[in-house]
N, C-alpha and C. Protein backbone atom coordinates (compact mmCIF):
# COMPACT_ATOMS: atom_id res chain seq x y z
N MET A 1 40.69 23.79 13.50
CA MET A 1 40.69 22.34 13.50
C MET A 1 39.73 21.80 14.56
N LEU A 2 39.76 22.42 15.72
CA LEU A 2 38.89 21.97 16.80
C LEU A 2 37.42 22.18 16.45
N VAL A 3 37.12 23.29 15.78
CA VAL A 3 35.75 23.57 15.37
C VAL A 3 35.29 22.53 14.33
N LEU A 4 36.18 22.20 13.41
CA LEU A 4 35.86 21.20 12.39
C LEU A 4 35.60 19.83 13.03
N LYS A 5 36.41 19.50 14.03
CA LYS A 5 36.24 18.21 14.73
C LYS A 5 34.85 18.13 15.36
N TYR A 6 34.44 19.15 16.07
CA TYR A 6 33.14 19.11 16.73
C TYR A 6 31.99 19.22 15.73
N LEU A 7 32.21 19.96 14.65
CA LEU A 7 31.19 20.03 13.61
C LEU A 7 30.95 18.66 13.00
N LEU A 8 32.02 17.94 12.70
CA LEU A 8 31.87 16.60 12.12
C LEU A 8 31.29 15.61 13.12
N MET A 9 31.60 15.76 14.39
CA MET A 9 31.02 14.88 15.41
C MET A 9 29.52 15.12 15.52
N ILE A 10 29.11 16.37 15.51
CA ILE A 10 27.69 16.70 15.59
C ILE A 10 26.97 16.22 14.34
N LEU A 11 27.60 16.39 13.18
CA LEU A 11 27.01 15.92 11.93
C LEU A 11 26.87 14.40 11.93
N GLY A 12 27.86 13.69 12.42
CA GLY A 12 27.78 12.23 12.50
C GLY A 12 26.68 11.77 13.43
N ALA A 13 26.54 12.41 14.58
CA ALA A 13 25.47 12.06 15.52
C ALA A 13 24.11 12.34 14.90
N GLY A 14 24.02 13.43 14.14
CA GLY A 14 22.76 13.74 13.47
C GLY A 14 22.41 12.71 12.41
N LEU A 15 23.40 12.22 11.69
CA LEU A 15 23.15 11.19 10.68
C LEU A 15 22.69 9.89 11.32
N PHE A 16 23.32 9.49 12.42
CA PHE A 16 22.88 8.28 13.12
C PHE A 16 21.45 8.45 13.66
N GLY A 17 21.15 9.63 14.17
CA GLY A 17 19.80 9.89 14.67
C GLY A 17 18.76 9.84 13.58
N SER A 18 19.08 10.42 12.43
CA SER A 18 18.12 10.40 11.33
C SER A 18 17.95 8.98 10.77
N ALA A 19 19.01 8.17 10.78
CA ALA A 19 18.87 6.78 10.35
C ALA A 19 17.96 6.02 11.30
N GLY A 20 18.08 6.24 12.58
CA GLY A 20 17.20 5.60 13.56
C GLY A 20 15.76 6.04 13.39
N ALA A 21 15.56 7.33 13.10
CA ALA A 21 14.21 7.83 12.88
C ALA A 21 13.59 7.21 11.63
N LEU A 22 14.38 7.02 10.58
CA LEU A 22 13.87 6.39 9.37
C LEU A 22 13.47 4.94 9.61
N VAL A 23 14.23 4.23 10.42
CA VAL A 23 13.88 2.84 10.74
C VAL A 23 12.58 2.80 11.54
N ALA A 24 12.46 3.69 12.52
CA ALA A 24 11.24 3.73 13.33
C ALA A 24 10.03 4.09 12.46
N TYR A 25 10.19 5.02 11.54
CA TYR A 25 9.08 5.40 10.66
C TYR A 25 8.71 4.26 9.72
N ASP A 26 9.70 3.52 9.24
CA ASP A 26 9.43 2.37 8.37
C ASP A 26 8.65 1.29 9.12
N ILE A 27 9.00 1.05 10.37
CA ILE A 27 8.26 0.07 11.18
C ILE A 27 6.83 0.55 11.39
N TYR A 28 6.67 1.83 11.65
CA TYR A 28 5.33 2.40 11.84
C TYR A 28 4.49 2.23 10.57
N LEU A 29 5.07 2.53 9.41
CA LEU A 29 4.34 2.39 8.15
C LEU A 29 3.99 0.94 7.85
N SER A 30 4.89 0.02 8.16
CA SER A 30 4.59 -1.39 7.89
C SER A 30 3.47 -1.88 8.79
N GLU A 31 3.41 -1.41 10.03
CA GLU A 31 2.31 -1.79 10.92
C GLU A 31 0.98 -1.20 10.43
N GLN A 32 1.00 0.02 9.94
CA GLN A 32 -0.22 0.62 9.41
C GLN A 32 -0.70 -0.15 8.18
N LEU A 33 0.23 -0.52 7.30
CA LEU A 33 -0.14 -1.28 6.11
C LEU A 33 -0.71 -2.65 6.49
N ARG A 34 -0.10 -3.30 7.47
CA ARG A 34 -0.60 -4.61 7.91
C ARG A 34 -2.01 -4.48 8.46
N ARG A 35 -2.29 -3.43 9.22
CA ARG A 35 -3.64 -3.22 9.76
C ARG A 35 -4.64 -2.94 8.64
N LEU A 36 -4.24 -2.12 7.67
CA LEU A 36 -5.16 -1.81 6.57
C LEU A 36 -5.45 -3.04 5.72
N LEU A 37 -4.45 -3.85 5.45
CA LEU A 37 -4.66 -5.03 4.62
C LEU A 37 -5.46 -6.11 5.33
N SER A 38 -5.37 -6.18 6.64
CA SER A 38 -6.10 -7.22 7.36
C SER A 38 -7.49 -6.75 7.80
N ARG A 39 -7.85 -5.52 7.54
CA ARG A 39 -9.14 -5.00 7.99
C ARG A 39 -10.31 -5.63 7.23
N ASN A 40 -10.26 -5.63 5.92
CA ASN A 40 -11.37 -6.13 5.11
C ASN A 40 -10.88 -7.32 4.30
N LYS A 41 -11.09 -8.50 4.82
CA LYS A 41 -10.70 -9.70 4.10
C LYS A 41 -11.94 -10.33 3.48
N THR A 42 -11.87 -10.60 2.18
CA THR A 42 -12.97 -11.27 1.50
C THR A 42 -12.39 -12.39 0.65
N ASP A 43 -13.21 -13.41 0.38
CA ASP A 43 -12.75 -14.49 -0.48
C ASP A 43 -13.07 -14.14 -1.93
N GLU A 44 -12.87 -15.08 -2.85
CA GLU A 44 -13.04 -14.81 -4.27
C GLU A 44 -14.48 -14.47 -4.64
N SER A 45 -15.46 -15.03 -3.94
CA SER A 45 -16.85 -14.75 -4.28
C SER A 45 -17.32 -13.41 -3.74
N GLY A 46 -16.52 -12.76 -2.94
CA GLY A 46 -16.89 -11.47 -2.38
C GLY A 46 -17.53 -11.58 -1.02
N ALA A 47 -17.76 -12.80 -0.55
CA ALA A 47 -18.33 -12.97 0.79
C ALA A 47 -17.26 -12.69 1.82
N GLY A 48 -17.66 -12.03 2.88
CA GLY A 48 -16.71 -11.69 3.92
C GLY A 48 -16.24 -12.90 4.70
N LEU A 49 -14.97 -12.92 5.00
CA LEU A 49 -14.43 -13.99 5.82
C LEU A 49 -14.45 -13.56 7.27
N LYS A 50 -14.58 -14.49 8.15
CA LYS A 50 -14.59 -14.18 9.57
C LYS A 50 -13.17 -13.82 9.99
N ALA A 51 -13.01 -12.61 10.48
CA ALA A 51 -11.68 -12.15 10.91
C ALA A 51 -11.35 -12.76 12.25
N SER A 52 -10.11 -13.12 12.41
CA SER A 52 -9.70 -13.68 13.69
C SER A 52 -9.63 -12.57 14.73
N ALA A 53 -10.07 -12.87 15.91
CA ALA A 53 -10.07 -11.89 16.98
C ALA A 53 -8.62 -11.63 17.42
N PRO A 54 -8.31 -10.41 17.85
CA PRO A 54 -6.95 -10.12 18.29
C PRO A 54 -6.52 -10.99 19.47
N ALA A 55 -7.48 -11.39 20.30
CA ALA A 55 -7.13 -12.22 21.46
C ALA A 55 -6.77 -13.64 21.03
N ALA A 56 -7.22 -14.06 19.84
CA ALA A 56 -6.95 -15.41 19.38
C ALA A 56 -5.52 -15.55 18.86
N ARG A 57 -4.88 -14.46 18.54
CA ARG A 57 -3.51 -14.51 18.06
C ARG A 57 -2.57 -14.85 19.21
N ASN A 58 -1.48 -15.47 18.87
CA ASN A 58 -0.51 -15.85 19.86
C ASN A 58 0.51 -14.72 20.01
N PRO A 59 0.43 -13.92 21.08
CA PRO A 59 1.35 -12.79 21.20
C PRO A 59 2.80 -13.24 21.45
N LEU A 60 2.99 -14.42 22.02
CA LEU A 60 4.34 -14.89 22.28
C LEU A 60 5.07 -15.16 20.97
N ARG A 61 4.36 -15.69 20.00
CA ARG A 61 4.98 -15.98 18.70
C ARG A 61 5.42 -14.69 18.02
N ASN A 62 4.56 -13.68 18.04
CA ASN A 62 4.89 -12.40 17.42
C ASN A 62 6.06 -11.74 18.14
N ASP A 63 6.08 -11.82 19.47
CA ASP A 63 7.16 -11.25 20.26
C ASP A 63 8.48 -11.94 19.93
N PHE A 64 8.44 -13.27 19.77
CA PHE A 64 9.66 -14.00 19.42
C PHE A 64 10.17 -13.57 18.06
N THR A 65 9.25 -13.34 17.11
CA THR A 65 9.66 -12.92 15.77
C THR A 65 10.33 -11.57 15.82
N TRP A 66 9.77 -10.64 16.61
CA TRP A 66 10.39 -9.32 16.73
C TRP A 66 11.77 -9.43 17.35
N ARG A 67 11.91 -10.26 18.38
CA ARG A 67 13.23 -10.41 19.01
C ARG A 67 14.23 -11.03 18.06
N ALA A 68 13.80 -12.03 17.30
CA ALA A 68 14.71 -12.66 16.35
C ALA A 68 15.11 -11.67 15.26
N ASN A 69 14.17 -10.84 14.81
CA ASN A 69 14.51 -9.84 13.81
C ASN A 69 15.46 -8.80 14.36
N PHE A 70 15.29 -8.43 15.62
CA PHE A 70 16.17 -7.44 16.22
C PHE A 70 17.58 -8.00 16.35
N LEU A 71 17.69 -9.26 16.73
CA LEU A 71 19.01 -9.83 16.96
C LEU A 71 19.69 -10.32 15.69
N GLY A 72 18.93 -10.80 14.73
CA GLY A 72 19.60 -11.42 13.59
C GLY A 72 19.10 -10.98 12.24
N GLY A 73 18.69 -9.75 12.10
CA GLY A 73 18.23 -9.30 10.78
C GLY A 73 16.92 -9.95 10.41
N SER A 74 16.93 -10.89 9.50
CA SER A 74 15.70 -11.56 9.07
C SER A 74 15.65 -13.00 9.58
N ALA A 75 16.21 -13.24 10.74
CA ALA A 75 16.26 -14.60 11.26
C ALA A 75 14.87 -15.16 11.56
N GLY A 76 13.92 -14.33 11.94
CA GLY A 76 12.59 -14.81 12.27
C GLY A 76 11.61 -14.70 11.12
N HIS A 77 12.10 -14.44 9.93
CA HIS A 77 11.20 -14.22 8.80
C HIS A 77 10.37 -15.46 8.47
N GLY A 78 10.93 -16.65 8.60
CA GLY A 78 10.19 -17.85 8.26
C GLY A 78 9.30 -18.37 9.36
N LEU A 79 9.28 -17.69 10.51
CA LEU A 79 8.48 -18.17 11.64
C LEU A 79 7.04 -17.71 11.59
N ARG A 80 6.70 -16.83 10.70
CA ARG A 80 5.34 -16.30 10.67
C ARG A 80 4.40 -17.22 9.99
């Protein structure tokens, strides 16, 4: 019985760890996709659009969105 208890505890901890790893990997993939999609922006005529510089973005707004998502699921979804 004691062996079964510890086996199930270790299995439960492993499942929580793998769920956390899947979330981290999903965030990593979404960031890679966002970078790939924003790399080459063109309009309908095929002429290249001027990409906004990374310094021109408001990092505070993005940070707030991440915090709102962390605290409330999709609470910051409409802020982008």
